[in-house]
Structures are given as C-alpha cells and as structure tokens.
Amino acid sequence: MVEYEGIVKMLRFFIQLKNFSYVDRIGNALNPEPVEVALHEALRAFRSIRESASIDDSGRRYVEKDGKKILVPGLPSDEEVEAFLNSVHSDISVAKRVATLALAYPSKKDESGGEE
C-alpha cells in the first residue's frame, strides 16, 4: 500500500504525539463517510501543526514532545488523498489497512534522538 505512504506517515505522526483519534476513527469506520470526515480533520490539524513547527539547521520541521524532537513529515498530495478516498469508497477495508500500517510503521531515529 505504498501509494498511501503520505497518509500513513501523517497518521503515524499523530500516533507519535499520542493522538490516536484519527487513526482509530479511520481504522474502525464501517462506511466511507467517517473516513472522509476523520481524514479532513486530520489534514486540517496536521497543516496547522506543520505551519507552526520549529525548523532545525538542516531545514527539517519538528515539534517537541516529552523532550524529544518529532520530525513532521510532508503533507500527503491531493492525488494521494483522492486515490485513497476513491479506494475507500470501493473497499472500506482499505481504511483499516492504512490505519494498521500507521500503527505498525517503523520509526527511524534521527541523530538528535527524535523520531521521524
């Protein structure tokens, strides 16, 4: 499910912040509408966080939580979001798979001890 990597990374970022609400709502949805609402809300919150994030010397955006730097990934593209929602409308289990990938996505430690 590499084509939804941006969405998975965004959801993983919220998980690193201990905010499981978006991934839970997407993963537990029984029809496409709650997935659309949760994804819309997640994107809105993510944009806000991203715009106010600190920028390190190498130009990477990050937020600090519990003394750790958490790198902020890029925004998923419009095309990726549209493809994901189309897939969810065809098969709701796609949403559960994306949520599961976000929960299982390995994090990479950066040199400052933060997570990407």
PDB file of N, CA and C in Angstrom:
ATOM      1  N   MET A   1       0.842  -1.190   0.000  1.00  0.00           N
ATOM      2  CA  MET A   1       0.000   0.000   0.000  1.00  0.00           C
ATOM      3  C   MET A   1       0.878   1.241   0.000  1.00  0.00           C
ATOM      4  N   VAL A   2       1.947   1.174  -0.722  1.00  0.00           N
ATOM      5  CA  VAL A   2       2.927   2.241  -0.817  1.00  0.00           C
ATOM      6  C   VAL A   2       2.320   3.527  -1.382  1.00  0.00           C
ATOM      7  N   GLU A   3       1.260   3.426  -2.148  1.00  0.00           N
ATOM      8  CA  GLU A   3       0.678   4.620  -2.758  1.00  0.00           C
ATOM      9  C   GLU A   3       0.034   5.552  -1.734  1.00  0.00           C
ATOM     10  N   TYR A   4      -0.171   5.093  -0.511  1.00  0.00           N
ATOM     11  CA  TYR A   4      -0.760   5.927   0.549  1.00  0.00           C
ATOM     12  C   TYR A   4       0.261   6.236   1.638  1.00  0.00           C
ATOM     13  N   GLU A   5       1.528   6.228   1.270  1.00  0.00           N
ATOM     14  CA  GLU A   5       2.604   6.420   2.237  1.00  0.00           C
ATOM     15  C   GLU A   5       2.506   7.773   2.953  1.00  0.00           C
ATOM     16  N   GLY A   6       2.113   8.812   2.255  1.00  0.00           N
ATOM     17  CA  GLY A   6       1.977  10.127   2.882  1.00  0.00           C
ATOM     18  C   GLY A   6       0.910  10.146   3.954  1.00  0.00           C
ATOM     19  N   ILE A   7      -0.203   9.469   3.698  1.00  0.00           N
ATOM     20  CA  ILE A   7      -1.281   9.393   4.689  1.00  0.00           C
ATOM     21  C   ILE A   7      -0.823   8.561   5.877  1.00  0.00           C
ATOM     22  N   VAL A   8      -0.153   7.452   5.610  1.00  0.00           N
ATOM     23  CA  VAL A   8       0.358   6.601   6.692  1.00  0.00           C
ATOM     24  C   VAL A   8       1.332   7.396   7.562  1.00  0.00           C
ATOM     25  N   LYS A   9       2.241   8.138   6.940  1.00  0.00           N
ATOM     26  CA  LYS A   9       3.218   8.928   7.699  1.00  0.00           C
ATOM     27  C   LYS A   9       2.535  10.010   8.532  1.00  0.00           C
ATOM     28  N   MET A  10       1.522  10.645   7.968  1.00  0.00           N
ATOM     29  CA  MET A  10       0.790  11.664   8.717  1.00  0.00           C
ATOM     30  C   MET A  10       0.105  11.058   9.940  1.00  0.00           C
ATOM     31  N   LEU A  11      -0.565   9.906   9.741  1.00  0.00           N
ATOM     32  CA  LEU A  11      -1.228   9.251  10.859  1.00  0.00           C
ATOM     33  C   LEU A  11      -0.216   8.788  11.904  1.00  0.00           C
ATOM     34  N   ARG A  12       0.931   8.301  11.444  1.00  0.00           N
ATOM     35  CA  ARG A  12       2.000   7.872  12.346  1.00  0.00           C
ATOM     36  C   ARG A  12       2.498   9.051  13.187  1.00  0.00           C
ATOM     37  N   PHE A  13       2.575  10.229  12.584  1.00  0.00           N
ATOM     38  CA  PHE A  13       2.978  11.433  13.306  1.00  0.00           C
ATOM     39  C   PHE A  13       2.013  11.689  14.466  1.00  0.00           C
ATOM     40  N   PHE A  14       0.702  11.595  14.204  1.00  0.00           N
ATOM     41  CA  PHE A  14      -0.270  11.792  15.279  1.00  0.00           C
ATOM     42  C   PHE A  14      -0.109  10.731  16.366  1.00  0.00           C
ATOM     43  N   ILE A  15       0.179   9.512  15.974  1.00  0.00           N
ATOM     44  CA  ILE A  15       0.407   8.438  16.953  1.00  0.00           C
ATOM     45  C   ILE A  15       1.614   8.775  17.830  1.00  0.00           C
ATOM     46  N   GLN A  16       2.683   9.294  17.229  1.00  0.00           N
ATOM     47  CA  GLN A  16       3.864   9.681  17.999  1.00  0.00           C
ATOM     48  C   GLN A  16       3.531  10.777  19.003  1.00  0.00           C
ATOM     49  N   LEU A  17       2.536  11.609  18.682  1.00  0.00           N
ATOM     50  CA  LEU A  17       2.079  12.648  19.603  1.00  0.00           C
ATOM     51  C   LEU A  17       1.077  12.105  20.615  1.00  0.00           C
ATOM     52  N   LYS A  18       0.821  10.807  20.557  1.00  0.00           N
ATOM     53  CA  LYS A  18      -0.155  10.128  21.433  1.00  0.00           C
ATOM     54  C   LYS A  18      -1.588  10.557  21.142  1.00  0.00           C
ATOM     55  N   ASN A  19      -1.837  10.948  19.900  1.00  0.00           N
ATOM     56  CA  ASN A  19      -3.180  11.295  19.449  1.00  0.00           C
ATOM     57  C   ASN A  19      -3.638  10.181  18.510  1.00  0.00           C
ATOM     58  N   PHE A  20      -4.395   9.246  19.056  1.00  0.00           N
ATOM     59  CA  PHE A  20      -4.839   8.077  18.301  1.00  0.00           C
ATOM     60  C   PHE A  20      -6.224   8.275  17.677  1.00  0.00           C
ATOM     61  N   SER A  21      -6.844   9.417  17.905  1.00  0.00           N
ATOM     62  CA  SER A  21      -8.238   9.568  17.491  1.00  0.00           C
ATOM     63  C   SER A  21      -8.432   9.435  15.988  1.00  0.00           C
ATOM     64  N   TYR A  22      -7.568  10.047  15.187  1.00  0.00           N
ATOM     65  CA  TYR A  22      -7.756   9.990  13.734  1.00  0.00           C
ATOM     66  C   TYR A  22      -7.556   8.567  13.205  1.00  0.00           C
ATOM     67  N   VAL A  23      -6.481   7.928  13.631  1.00  0.00           N
ATOM     68  CA  VAL A  23      -6.211   6.569  13.150  1.00  0.00           C
ATOM     69  C   VAL A  23      -7.307   5.606  13.616  1.00  0.00           C
ATOM     70  N   ASP A  24      -7.802   5.783  14.832  1.00  0.00           N
ATOM     71  CA  ASP A  24      -8.884   4.922  15.327  1.00  0.00           C
ATOM     72  C   ASP A  24     -10.165   5.126  14.533  1.00  0.00           C
ATOM     73  N   ARG A  25     -10.503   6.369  14.253  1.00  0.00           N
ATOM     74  CA  ARG A  25     -11.729   6.647  13.508  1.00  0.00           C
ATOM     75  C   ARG A  25     -11.642   6.125  12.081  1.00  0.00           C
ATOM     76  N   ILE A  26     -10.467   6.252  11.467  1.00  0.00           N
ATOM     77  CA  ILE A  26     -10.290   5.746  10.102  1.00  0.00           C
ATOM     78  C   ILE A  26     -10.298   4.217  10.095  1.00  0.00           C
ATOM     79  N   GLY A  27      -9.597   3.607  11.028  1.00  0.00           N
ATOM     80  CA  GLY A  27      -9.487   2.151  11.071  1.00  0.00           C
ATOM     81  C   GLY A  27     -10.755   1.438  11.480  1.00  0.00           C
ATOM     82  N   ASN A  28     -11.610   2.101  12.247  1.00  0.00           N
ATOM     83  CA  ASN A  28     -12.832   1.465  12.746  1.00  0.00           C
ATOM     84  C   ASN A  28     -14.084   1.842  11.961  1.00  0.00           C
ATOM     85  N   ALA A  29     -13.921   2.623  10.907  1.00  0.00           N
ATOM     86  CA  ALA A  29     -15.082   3.071  10.135  1.00  0.00           C
ATOM     87  C   ALA A  29     -15.765   1.890   9.440  1.00  0.00           C
ATOM     88  N   LEU A  30     -17.081   1.940   9.421  1.00  0.00           N
ATOM     89  CA  LEU A  30     -17.874   0.895   8.768  1.00  0.00           C
ATOM     90  C   LEU A  30     -18.335   1.310   7.373  1.00  0.00           C
ATOM     91  N   ASN A  31     -18.208   2.605   7.076  1.00  0.00           N
ATOM     92  CA  ASN A  31     -18.523   3.094   5.737  1.00  0.00           C
ATOM     93  C   ASN A  31     -17.610   4.278   5.433  1.00  0.00           C
ATOM     94  N   PRO A  32     -17.567   4.745   4.199  1.00  0.00           N
ATOM     95  CA  PRO A  32     -16.586   5.763   3.790  1.00  0.00           C
ATOM     96  C   PRO A  32     -16.748   7.143   4.436  1.00  0.00           C
ATOM     97  N   GLU A  33     -17.958   7.527   4.807  1.00  0.00           N
ATOM     98  CA  GLU A  33     -18.178   8.886   5.293  1.00  0.00           C
ATOM     99  C   GLU A  33     -17.351   9.217   6.535  1.00  0.00           C
ATOM    100  N   PRO A  34     -17.301   8.369   7.567  1.00  0.00           N
ATOM    101  CA  PRO A  34     -16.461   8.704   8.727  1.00  0.00           C
ATOM    102  C   PRO A  34     -14.972   8.784   8.379  1.00  0.00           C
ATOM    103  N   VAL A  35     -14.540   8.029   7.388  1.00  0.00           N
ATOM    104  CA  VAL A  35     -13.141   8.094   6.941  1.00  0.00           C
ATOM    105  C   VAL A  35     -12.878   9.471   6.341  1.00  0.00           C
ATOM    106  N   GLU A  36     -13.786   9.951   5.499  1.00  0.00           N
ATOM    107  CA  GLU A  36     -13.625  11.271   4.888  1.00  0.00           C
ATOM    108  C   GLU A  36     -13.567  12.366   5.941  1.00  0.00           C
ATOM    109  N   VAL A  37     -14.470  12.301   6.916  1.00  0.00           N
ATOM    110  CA  VAL A  37     -14.509  13.328   7.964  1.00  0.00           C
ATOM    111  C   VAL A  37     -13.228  13.285   8.790  1.00  0.00           C
ATOM    112  N   ALA A  38     -12.811  12.099   9.213  1.00  0.00           N
ATOM    113  CA  ALA A  38     -11.599  11.973  10.028  1.00  0.00           C
ATOM    114  C   ALA A  38     -10.360  12.416   9.254  1.00  0.00           C
ATOM    115  N   LEU A  39     -10.281  12.054   7.982  1.00  0.00           N
ATOM    116  CA  LEU A  39      -9.127  12.442   7.180  1.00  0.00           C
ATOM    117  C   LEU A  39      -9.105  13.962   6.984  1.00  0.00           C
ATOM    118  N   HIS A  40     -10.248  14.547   6.730  1.00  0.00           N
ATOM    119  CA  HIS A  40     -10.341  16.005   6.584  1.00  0.00           C
ATOM    120  C   HIS A  40      -9.863  16.695   7.864  1.00  0.00           C
ATOM    121  N   GLU A  41     -10.341  16.233   9.011  1.00  0.00           N
ATOM    122  CA  GLU A  41      -9.949  16.826  10.286  1.00  0.00           C
ATOM    123  C   GLU A  41      -8.462  16.616  10.563  1.00  0.00           C
ATOM    124  N   ALA A  42      -7.944  15.433  10.226  1.00  0.00           N
ATOM    125  CA  ALA A  42      -6.519  15.143  10.427  1.00  0.00           C
ATOM    126  C   ALA A  42      -5.661  16.062   9.557  1.00  0.00           C
ATOM    127  N   LEU A  43      -6.036  16.227   8.305  1.00  0.00           N
ATOM    128  CA  LEU A  43      -5.284  17.101   7.402  1.00  0.00           C
ATOM    129  C   LEU A  43      -5.294  18.544   7.901  1.00  0.00           C
ATOM    130  N   ARG A  44      -6.428  18.981   8.387  1.00  0.00           N
ATOM    131  CA  ARG A  44      -6.551  20.352   8.891  1.00  0.00           C
ATOM    132  C   ARG A  44      -5.647  20.553  10.105  1.00  0.00           C
ATOM    133  N   ALA A  45      -5.699  19.634  11.045  1.00  0.00           N
ATOM    134  CA  ALA A  45      -4.855  19.726  12.242  1.00  0.00           C
ATOM    135  C   ALA A  45      -3.375  19.617  11.876  1.00  0.00           C
ATOM    136  N   PHE A  46      -3.070  18.717  10.946  1.00  0.00           N
ATOM    137  CA  PHE A  46      -1.682  18.497  10.529  1.00  0.00           C
ATOM    138  C   PHE A  46      -1.099  19.744   9.870  1.00  0.00           C
ATOM    139  N   ARG A  47      -1.873  20.383   9.014  1.00  0.00           N
ATOM    140  CA  ARG A  47      -1.408  21.621   8.369  1.00  0.00           C
ATOM    141  C   ARG A  47      -1.081  22.681   9.419  1.00  0.00           C
ATOM    142  N   SER A  48      -1.943  22.794  10.405  1.00  0.00           N
ATOM    143  CA  SER A  48      -1.738  23.775  11.469  1.00  0.00           C
ATOM    144  C   SER A  48      -0.460  23.480  12.247  1.00  0.00           C
ATOM    145  N   ILE A  49      -0.252  22.227  12.609  1.00  0.00           N
ATOM    146  CA  ILE A  49       0.957  21.826  13.332  1.00  0.00           C
ATOM    147  C   ILE A  49       2.191  22.083  12.468  1.00  0.00           C
ATOM    148  N   ARG A  50       2.094  21.701  11.213  1.00  0.00           N
ATOM    149  CA  ARG A  50       3.231  21.838  10.298  1.00  0.00           C
ATOM    150  C   ARG A  50       3.639  23.300  10.123  1.00  0.00           C
ATOM    151  N   GLU A  51       2.651  24.179  10.005  1.00  0.00           N
ATOM    152  CA  GLU A  51       2.942  25.598   9.812  1.00  0.00           C
ATOM    153  C   GLU A  51       3.580  26.235  11.039  1.00  0.00           C
ATOM    154  N   SER A  52       3.269  25.724  12.224  1.00  0.00           N
ATOM    155  CA  SER A  52       3.819  26.307  13.447  1.00  0.00           C
ATOM    156  C   SER A  52       5.026  25.530  13.988  1.00  0.00           C
ATOM    157  N   ALA A  53       5.458  24.487  13.281  1.00  0.00           N
ATOM    158  CA  ALA A  53       6.581  23.664  13.745  1.00  0.00           C
ATOM    159  C   ALA A  53       7.893  24.442  13.681  1.00  0.00           C
ATOM    160  N   SER A  54       8.813  24.051  14.540  1.00  0.00           N
ATOM    161  CA  SER A  54      10.158  24.623  14.511  1.00  0.00           C
ATOM    162  C   SER A  54      10.919  24.033  13.327  1.00  0.00           C
ATOM    163  N   ILE A  55      11.950  24.731  12.897  1.00  0.00           N
ATOM    164  CA  ILE A  55      12.774  24.258  11.783  1.00  0.00           C
ATOM    165  C   ILE A  55      14.210  24.175  12.278  1.00  0.00           C
ATOM    166  N   ASP A  56      14.832  22.995  12.105  1.00  0.00           N
ATOM    167  CA  ASP A  56      16.213  22.817  12.558  1.00  0.00           C
ATOM    168  C   ASP A  56      17.198  23.351  11.531  1.00  0.00           C
ATOM    169  N   ASP A  57      18.492  23.228  11.837  1.00  0.00           N
ATOM    170  CA  ASP A  57      19.544  23.776  10.978  1.00  0.00           C
ATOM    171  C   ASP A  57      19.547  23.180   9.575  1.00  0.00           C
ATOM    172  N   SER A  58      19.053  21.941   9.441  1.00  0.00           N
ATOM    173  CA  SER A  58      19.050  21.313   8.117  1.00  0.00           C
ATOM    174  C   SER A  58      17.724  21.519   7.380  1.00  0.00           C
ATOM    175  N   GLY A  59      16.842  22.347   7.944  1.00  0.00           N
ATOM    176  CA  GLY A  59      15.594  22.676   7.269  1.00  0.00           C
ATOM    177  C   GLY A  59      14.447  21.727   7.546  1.00  0.00           C
ATOM    178  N   ARG A  60      14.650  20.762   8.456  1.00  0.00           N
ATOM    179  CA  ARG A  60      13.578  19.821   8.780  1.00  0.00           C
ATOM    180  C   ARG A  60      12.646  20.430   9.823  1.00  0.00           C
ATOM    181  N   ARG A  61      11.366  20.193   9.632  1.00  0.00           N
ATOM    182  CA  ARG A  61      10.366  20.669  10.592  1.00  0.00           C
ATOM    183  C   ARG A  61      10.219  19.637  11.704  1.00  0.00           C
ATOM    184  N   TYR A  62      10.036  20.150  12.938  1.00  0.00           N
ATOM    185  CA  TYR A  62       9.866  19.239  14.065  1.00  0.00           C
ATOM    186  C   TYR A  62       9.040  19.911  15.154  1.00  0.00           C
ATOM    187  N   VAL A  63       8.458  19.072  16.003  1.00  0.00           N
ATOM    188  CA  VAL A  63       7.814  19.529  17.229  1.00  0.00           C
ATOM    189  C   VAL A  63       8.481  18.790  18.379  1.00  0.00           C
ATOM    190  N   GLU A  64       8.416  19.362  19.543  1.00  0.00           N
ATOM    191  CA  GLU A  64       8.988  18.704  20.715  1.00  0.00           C
ATOM    192  C   GLU A  64       7.866  18.170  21.586  1.00  0.00           C
ATOM    193  N   LYS A  65       8.067  16.940  22.046  1.00  0.00           N
ATOM    194  CA  LYS A  65       7.095  16.292  22.937  1.00  0.00           C
ATOM    195  C   LYS A  65       7.887  15.463  23.930  1.00  0.00           C
ATOM    196  N   ASP A  66       7.681  15.710  25.194  1.00  0.00           N
ATOM    197  CA  ASP A  66       8.375  14.980  26.259  1.00  0.00           C
ATOM    198  C   ASP A  66       9.887  15.025  26.075  1.00  0.00           C
ATOM    199  N   GLY A  67      10.398  16.165  25.655  1.00  0.00           N
ATOM    200  CA  GLY A  67      11.832  16.342  25.492  1.00  0.00           C
ATOM    201  C   GLY A  67      12.428  15.712  24.248  1.00  0.00           C
ATOM    202  N   LYS A  68      11.607  15.186  23.364  1.00  0.00           N
ATOM    203  CA  LYS A  68      12.089  14.573  22.122  1.00  0.00           C
ATOM    204  C   LYS A  68      11.643  15.393  20.929  1.00  0.00           C
ATOM    205  N   LYS A  69      12.498  15.421  19.926  1.00  0.00           N
ATOM    206  CA  LYS A  69      12.131  16.036  18.655  1.00  0.00           C
ATOM    207  C   LYS A  69      11.381  15.007  17.828  1.00  0.00           C
ATOM    208  N   ILE A  70      10.223  15.377  17.362  1.00  0.00           N
ATOM    209  CA  ILE A  70       9.460  14.516  16.460  1.00  0.00           C
ATOM    210  C   ILE A  70       9.400  15.233  15.116  1.00  0.00           C
ATOM    211  N   LEU A  71      10.021  14.626  14.125  1.00  0.00           N
ATOM    212  CA  LEU A  71      10.037  15.234  12.790  1.00  0.00           C
ATOM    213  C   LEU A  71       8.638  15.226  12.188  1.00  0.00           C
ATOM    214  N   VAL A  72       8.298  16.311  11.532  1.00  0.00           N
ATOM    215  CA  VAL A  72       6.984  16.458  10.903  1.00  0.00           C
ATOM    216  C   VAL A  72       7.133  16.069   9.438  1.00  0.00           C
ATOM    217  N   PRO A  73       6.427  15.016   8.998  1.00  0.00           N
ATOM    218  CA  PRO A  73       6.537  14.615   7.594  1.00  0.00           C
ATOM    219  C   PRO A  73       5.854  15.627   6.676  1.00  0.00           C
ATOM    220  N   GLY A  74       6.034  15.442   5.379  1.00  0.00           N
ATOM    221  CA  GLY A  74       5.371  16.293   4.403  1.00  0.00           C
ATOM    222  C   GLY A  74       3.886  15.991   4.322  1.00  0.00           C
ATOM    223  N   LEU A  75       3.164  16.910   3.733  1.00  0.00           N
ATOM    224  CA  LEU A  75       1.726  16.709   3.528  1.00  0.00           C
ATOM    225  C   LEU A  75       1.490  15.664   2.445  1.00  0.00           C
ATOM    226  N   PRO A  76       0.475  14.816   2.620  1.00  0.00           N
ATOM    227  CA  PRO A  76       0.109  13.917   1.515  1.00  0.00           C
ATOM    228  C   PRO A  76      -0.380  14.766   0.337  1.00  0.00           C
ATOM    229  N   SER A  77      -0.096  14.309  -0.869  1.00  0.00           N
ATOM    230  CA  SER A  77      -0.524  15.069  -2.055  1.00  0.00           C
ATOM    231  C   SER A  77      -2.040  14.968  -2.238  1.00  0.00           C
ATOM    232  N   ASP A  78      -2.569  15.929  -2.968  1.00  0.00           N
ATOM    233  CA  ASP A  78      -4.001  15.903  -3.297  1.00  0.00           C
ATOM    234  C   ASP A  78      -4.357  14.620  -4.039  1.00  0.00           C
ATOM    235  N   GLU A  79      -3.459  14.202  -4.945  1.00  0.00           N
ATOM    236  CA  GLU A  79      -3.702  12.990  -5.728  1.00  0.00           C
ATOM    237  C   GLU A  79      -3.762  11.757  -4.822  1.00  0.00           C
ATOM    238  N   GLU A  80      -2.868  11.708  -3.827  1.00  0.00           N
ATOM    239  CA  GLU A  80      -2.862  10.569  -2.902  1.00  0.00           C
ATOM    240  C   GLU A  80      -4.140  10.538  -2.080  1.00  0.00           C
ATOM    241  N   VAL A  81      -4.560  11.690  -1.582  1.00  0.00           N
ATOM    242  CA  VAL A  81      -5.785  11.760  -0.781  1.00  0.00           C
ATOM    243  C   VAL A  81      -6.979  11.333  -1.623  1.00  0.00           C
ATOM    244  N   GLU A  82      -7.051  11.831  -2.861  1.00  0.00           N
ATOM    245  CA  GLU A  82      -8.167  11.474  -3.743  1.00  0.00           C
ATOM    246  C   GLU A  82      -8.165   9.977  -4.061  1.00  0.00           C
ATOM    247  N   ALA A  83      -6.995   9.423  -4.360  1.00  0.00           N
ATOM    248  CA  ALA A  83      -6.895   7.987  -4.657  1.00  0.00           C
ATOM    249  C   ALA A  83      -7.291   7.156  -3.444  1.00  0.00           C
ATOM    250  N   PHE A  84      -6.863   7.572  -2.258  1.00  0.00           N
ATOM    251  CA  PHE A  84      -7.213   6.853  -1.030  1.00  0.00           C
ATOM    252  C   PHE A  84      -8.726   6.867  -0.816  1.00  0.00           C
ATOM    253  N   LEU A  85      -9.328   8.044  -0.931  1.00  0.00           N
ATOM    254  CA  LEU A  85     -10.778   8.123  -0.714  1.00  0.00           C
ATOM    255  C   LEU A  85     -11.552   7.330  -1.767  1.00  0.00           C
ATOM    256  N   ASN A  86     -11.094   7.350  -3.011  1.00  0.00           N
ATOM    257  CA  ASN A  86     -11.735   6.526  -4.046  1.00  0.00           C
ATOM    258  C   ASN A  86     -11.628   5.046  -3.701  1.00  0.00           C
ATOM    259  N   SER A  87     -10.462   4.627  -3.222  1.00  0.00           N
ATOM    260  CA  SER A  87     -10.272   3.224  -2.833  1.00  0.00           C
ATOM    261  C   SER A  87     -11.173   2.851  -1.670  1.00  0.00           C
ATOM    262  N   VAL A  88     -11.289   3.769  -0.702  1.00  0.00           N
ATOM    263  CA  VAL A  88     -12.139   3.515   0.468  1.00  0.00           C
ATOM    264  C   VAL A  88     -13.601   3.391   0.039  1.00  0.00           C
ATOM    265  N   HIS A  89     -14.017   4.200  -0.924  1.00  0.00           N
ATOM    266  CA  HIS A  89     -15.400   4.102  -1.414  1.00  0.00           C
ATOM    267  C   HIS A  89     -15.635   2.764  -2.115  1.00  0.00           C
ATOM    268  N   SER A  90     -14.605   2.220  -2.735  1.00  0.00           N
ATOM    269  CA  SER A  90     -14.733   0.915  -3.400  1.00  0.00           C
ATOM    270  C   SER A  90     -14.620  -0.241  -2.423  1.00  0.00           C
ATOM    271  N   ASP A  91     -13.772  -0.061  -1.396  1.00  0.00           N
ATOM    272  CA  ASP A  91     -13.499  -1.145  -0.446  1.00  0.00           C
ATOM    273  C   ASP A  91     -13.099  -0.532   0.887  1.00  0.00           C
ATOM    274  N   ILE A  92     -14.006  -0.542   1.855  1.00  0.00           N
ATOM    275  CA  ILE A  92     -13.781   0.090   3.161  1.00  0.00           C
ATOM    276  C   ILE A  92     -12.593  -0.534   3.904  1.00  0.00           C
ATOM    277  N   SER A  93     -12.227  -1.767   3.575  1.00  0.00           N
ATOM    278  CA  SER A  93     -11.115  -2.409   4.275  1.00  0.00           C
ATOM    279  C   SER A  93      -9.776  -1.716   3.997  1.00  0.00           C
ATOM    280  N   VAL A  94      -9.716  -0.907   2.930  1.00  0.00           N
ATOM    281  CA  VAL A  94      -8.501  -0.132   2.640  1.00  0.00           C
ATOM    282  C   VAL A  94      -8.202   0.803   3.814  1.00  0.00           C
ATOM    283  N   ALA A  95      -9.240   1.388   4.395  1.00  0.00           N
ATOM    284  CA  ALA A  95      -9.050   2.303   5.525  1.00  0.00           C
ATOM    285  C   ALA A  95      -8.434   1.573   6.717  1.00  0.00           C
ATOM    286  N   LYS A  96      -8.921   0.389   6.996  1.00  0.00           N
ATOM    287  CA  LYS A  96      -8.378  -0.403   8.107  1.00  0.00           C
ATOM    288  C   LYS A  96      -6.919  -0.768   7.852  1.00  0.00           C
ATOM    289  N   ARG A  97      -6.580  -1.099   6.619  1.00  0.00           N
ATOM    290  CA  ARG A  97      -5.187  -1.449   6.301  1.00  0.00           C
ATOM    291  C   ARG A  97      -4.257  -0.255   6.460  1.00  0.00           C
ATOM    292  N   VAL A  98      -4.696   0.921   6.023  1.00  0.00           N
ATOM    293  CA  VAL A  98      -3.880   2.122   6.186  1.00  0.00           C
ATOM    294  C   VAL A  98      -3.687   2.437   7.675  1.00  0.00           C
ATOM    295  N   ALA A  99      -4.750   2.320   8.460  1.00  0.00           N
ATOM    296  CA  ALA A  99      -4.642   2.567   9.898  1.00  0.00           C
ATOM    297  C   ALA A  99      -3.691   1.563  10.554  1.00  0.00           C
ATOM    298  N   THR A 100      -3.775   0.325  10.144  1.00  0.00           N
ATOM    299  CA  THR A 100      -2.889  -0.707  10.697  1.00  0.00           C
ATOM    300  C   THR A 100      -1.435  -0.417  10.335  1.00  0.00           C
ATOM    301  N   LEU A 101      -1.191  -0.010   9.097  1.00  0.00           N
ATOM    302  CA  LEU A 101       0.168   0.348   8.687  1.00  0.00           C
ATOM    303  C   LEU A 101       0.696   1.528   9.509  1.00  0.00           C
ATOM    304  N   ALA A 102      -0.157   2.497   9.781  1.00  0.00           N
ATOM    305  CA  ALA A 102       0.273   3.650  10.583  1.00  0.00           C
ATOM    306  C   ALA A 102       0.663   3.212  11.990  1.00  0.00           C
ATOM    307  N   LEU A 103      -0.092   2.298  12.547  1.00  0.00           N
ATOM    308  CA  LEU A 103       0.217   1.805  13.889  1.00  0.00           C
ATOM    309  C   LEU A 103       1.486   0.975  13.909  1.00  0.00           C
ATOM    310  N   ALA A 104       1.798   0.312  12.801  1.00  0.00           N
ATOM    311  CA  ALA A 104       2.954  -0.582  12.741  1.00  0.00           C
ATOM    312  C   ALA A 104       4.164   0.051  12.077  1.00  0.00           C
ATOM    313  N   TYR A 105       4.010   1.236  11.529  1.00  0.00           N
ATOM    314  CA  TYR A 105       5.068   1.870  10.749  1.00  0.00           C
ATOM    315  C   TYR A 105       6.317   2.060  11.597  1.00  0.00           C
ATOM    316  N   PRO A 106       7.453   1.556  11.144  1.00  0.00           N
ATOM    317  CA  PRO A 106       8.671   1.719  11.948  1.00  0.00           C
ATOM    318  C   PRO A 106       9.143   3.170  11.935  1.00  0.00           C
ATOM    319  N   SER A 107       9.605   3.624  13.074  1.00  0.00           N
ATOM    320  CA  SER A 107      10.140   4.975  13.117  1.00  0.00           C
ATOM    321  C   SER A 107      11.650   4.906  13.053  1.00  0.00           C
ATOM    322  N   LYS A 108      12.237   5.921  12.407  1.00  0.00           N
ATOM    323  CA  LYS A 108      13.688   5.983  12.296  1.00  0.00           C
ATOM    324  C   LYS A 108      14.182   7.029  13.270  1.00  0.00           C
ATOM    325  N   LYS A 109      15.187   6.674  14.040  1.00  0.00           N
ATOM    326  CA  LYS A 109      15.779   7.639  14.962  1.00  0.00           C
ATOM    327  C   LYS A 109      16.679   8.579  14.172  1.00  0.00           C
ATOM    328  N   ASP A 110      16.539   9.861  14.445  1.00  0.00           N
ATOM    329  CA  ASP A 110      17.494  10.770  13.823  1.00  0.00           C
ATOM    330  C   ASP A 110      18.632  11.021  14.812  1.00  0.00           C
ATOM    331  N   GLU A 111      19.605  11.760  14.382  1.00  0.00           N
ATOM    332  CA  GLU A 111      20.808  11.929  15.201  1.00  0.00           C
ATOM    333  C   GLU A 111      20.543  12.669  16.513  1.00  0.00           C
ATOM    334  N   SER A 112      19.440  13.403  16.625  1.00  0.00           N
ATOM    335  CA  SER A 112      19.162  14.134  17.847  1.00  0.00           C
ATOM    336  C   SER A 112      18.338  13.318  18.837  1.00  0.00           C
ATOM    337  N   GLY A 113      18.042  12.078  18.488  1.00  0.00           N
ATOM    338  CA  GLY A 113      17.246  11.233  19.387  1.00  0.00           C
ATOM    339  C   GLY A 113      15.760  11.340  19.143  1.00  0.00           C
ATOM    340  N   GLY A 114      15.350  12.215  18.229  1.00  0.00           N
ATOM    341  CA  GLY A 114      13.929  12.338  17.905  1.00  0.00           C
ATOM    342  C   GLY A 114      13.539  11.269  16.924  1.00  0.00           C
ATOM    343  N   GLU A 115      12.270  11.216  16.621  1.00  0.00           N
ATOM    344  CA  GLU A 115      11.776  10.203  15.694  1.00  0.00           C
ATOM    345  C   GLU A 115      11.245  10.872  14.457  1.00  0.00           C
ATOM    346  N   GLU A 116      11.350  10.165  13.341  1.00  0.00           N
ATOM    347  CA  GLU A 116      10.800  10.662  12.076  1.00  0.00           C
ATOM    348  C   GLU A 116       9.512   9.953  11.811  1.00  0.00           C
TER     349      GLU A 116
END
